[in-house]
Each structure stands twice: as C-alpha cells, then as structure tokens.
Amino acid sequence: MSSTLVMDRPRVTVRALRPFRGSVVTVQTASAVLRGLLLSCVSGSAWLVVDDADVLVDLDEIVAVDTV
C-alpha cells in the first residue's frame, strides 16, 4: 500500500513582510500582480496602497513579494 503526503505551499508570514513596511513592493498572487506601498501587515492580511486605492491581500493568497 502506498500513501501520498500532500503539503500546502509555504505561507508568507507577517514576520517576513515586516521589513518591507513603508516600501514599494510587488505582490504576486495566483490571480494578480500588485505594485504598491506596503502600509501594514497583520496576522491575516497585508495592506497596500495601489494607485491611490487601499487594497487588502489575504496572506494565504500571496505567492511572492519583492521590493521595487
């Protein structure tokens, strides 16, 4: 009998995002790429300002983050 272990992908954490607060970042999700100022990050989401609009991104949706 064989078994398969399915693991979730690594999750982006608040701790990993904190150094980027106040910086312009590119956030990639499965459905979009956002470029904006990272204002805050809390246990479940990241708050960005993208083209003068506030955007909340669930941390579980973030695939990658990079500084611009």
C-alpha atoms as a PDB file:
ATOM      1  CA  MET A   1       0.000   0.000   0.000  1.00  0.00           C
ATOM      2  CA  SER A   2       1.377   3.406  -0.927  1.00  0.00           C
ATOM      3  CA  SER A   3       0.494   6.714   0.575  1.00  0.00           C
ATOM      4  CA  THR A   4       0.882  10.253  -0.612  1.00  0.00           C
ATOM      5  CA  LEU A   5       1.565  13.221   1.596  1.00  0.00           C
ATOM      6  CA  VAL A   6       0.209  16.471   0.229  1.00  0.00           C
ATOM      7  CA  MET A   7       1.675  19.576   1.811  1.00  0.00           C
ATOM      8  CA  ASP A   8       0.477  23.121   1.489  1.00  0.00           C
ATOM      9  CA  ARG A   9       2.901  25.576  -0.036  1.00  0.00           C
ATOM     10  CA  PRO A  10       4.886  27.689   2.419  1.00  0.00           C
ATOM     11  CA  ARG A  11       2.877  30.625   3.678  1.00  0.00           C
ATOM     12  CA  VAL A  12       4.025  34.246   3.661  1.00  0.00           C
ATOM     13  CA  THR A  13       4.184  35.431   7.261  1.00  0.00           C
ATOM     14  CA  VAL A  14       3.794  38.792   8.932  1.00  0.00           C
ATOM     15  CA  ARG A  15       7.325  38.408  10.234  1.00  0.00           C
ATOM     16  CA  ALA A  16       8.650  38.048   6.672  1.00  0.00           C
ATOM     17  CA  LEU A  17       6.720  41.127   5.478  1.00  0.00           C
ATOM     18  CA  ARG A  18       7.610  43.498   8.336  1.00  0.00           C
ATOM     19  CA  PRO A  19      10.951  44.636   6.863  1.00  0.00           C
ATOM     20  CA  PHE A  20       9.079  45.779   3.722  1.00  0.00           C
ATOM     21  CA  ARG A  21       6.638  48.095   5.551  1.00  0.00           C
ATOM     22  CA  GLY A  22       6.860  51.583   4.109  1.00  0.00           C
ATOM     23  CA  SER A  23       8.411  50.295   0.877  1.00  0.00           C
ATOM     24  CA  VAL A  24       7.040  49.954  -2.612  1.00  0.00           C
ATOM     25  CA  VAL A  25       6.641  46.234  -3.286  1.00  0.00           C
ATOM     26  CA  THR A  26       5.359  43.897  -5.956  1.00  0.00           C
ATOM     27  CA  VAL A  27       2.975  41.292  -4.556  1.00  0.00           C
ATOM     28  CA  GLN A  28       2.153  38.281  -6.692  1.00  0.00           C
ATOM     29  CA  THR A  29      -0.965  36.215  -6.069  1.00  0.00           C
ATOM     30  CA  ALA A  30      -2.386  33.373  -8.119  1.00  0.00           C
ATOM     31  CA  SER A  31      -4.709  35.801  -9.896  1.00  0.00           C
ATOM     32  CA  ALA A  32      -2.890  39.165  -9.954  1.00  0.00           C
ATOM     33  CA  VAL A  33       0.341  41.102  -9.625  1.00  0.00           C
ATOM     34  CA  LEU A  34       0.035  44.242  -7.495  1.00  0.00           C
ATOM     35  CA  ARG A  35       2.595  47.029  -7.147  1.00  0.00           C
ATOM     36  CA  GLY A  36       2.161  49.462  -4.304  1.00  0.00           C
ATOM     37  CA  LEU A  37       3.229  50.811  -0.938  1.00  0.00           C
ATOM     38  CA  LEU A  38       3.030  48.248   1.862  1.00  0.00           C
ATOM     39  CA  LEU A  39       1.482  50.135   4.764  1.00  0.00           C
ATOM     40  CA  SER A  40       0.800  47.376   7.238  1.00  0.00           C
ATOM     41  CA  CYS A  41       0.666  43.646   7.747  1.00  0.00           C
ATOM     42  CA  VAL A  42      -1.323  41.820  10.399  1.00  0.00           C
ATOM     43  CA  SER A  43      -1.990  38.186  11.183  1.00  0.00           C
ATOM     44  CA  GLY A  44      -4.221  37.583   8.173  1.00  0.00           C
ATOM     45  CA  SER A  45      -3.570  40.275   5.581  1.00  0.00           C
ATOM     46  CA  ALA A  46      -1.292  42.851   4.025  1.00  0.00           C
ATOM     47  CA  TRP A  47      -2.477  46.415   3.396  1.00  0.00           C
ATOM     48  CA  LEU A  48      -1.184  48.099   0.243  1.00  0.00           C
ATOM     49  CA  VAL A  49      -1.883  51.391  -1.471  1.00  0.00           C
ATOM     50  CA  VAL A  50      -2.047  50.722  -5.205  1.00  0.00           C
ATOM     51  CA  ASP A  51      -2.728  53.715  -7.488  1.00  0.00           C
ATOM     52  CA  ASP A  52      -4.342  55.698  -4.624  1.00  0.00           C
ATOM     53  CA  ALA A  53      -6.616  52.780  -3.679  1.00  0.00           C
ATOM     54  CA  ASP A  54      -6.405  50.759  -0.475  1.00  0.00           C
ATOM     55  CA  VAL A  55      -6.006  47.043  -1.173  1.00  0.00           C
ATOM     56  CA  LEU A  56      -6.123  44.246   1.408  1.00  0.00           C
ATOM     57  CA  VAL A  57      -4.498  40.982   0.359  1.00  0.00           C
ATOM     58  CA  ASP A  58      -5.035  37.803   2.344  1.00  0.00           C
ATOM     59  CA  LEU A  59      -1.631  36.390   3.339  1.00  0.00           C
ATOM     60  CA  ASP A  60      -2.726  32.944   2.174  1.00  0.00           C
ATOM     61  CA  GLU A  61      -3.121  34.336  -1.366  1.00  0.00           C
ATOM     62  CA  ILE A  62       0.406  35.779  -1.610  1.00  0.00           C
ATOM     63  CA  VAL A  63       2.785  33.726  -3.738  1.00  0.00           C
ATOM     64  CA  ALA A  64       5.761  36.119  -3.782  1.00  0.00           C
ATOM     65  CA  VAL A  65       6.818  39.585  -2.605  1.00  0.00           C
ATOM     66  CA  ASP A  66       9.660  41.683  -3.979  1.00  0.00           C
ATOM     67  CA  THR A  67      10.842  45.238  -3.397  1.00  0.00           C
ATOM     68  CA  VAL A  68      10.806  47.613  -6.318  1.00  0.00           C
END
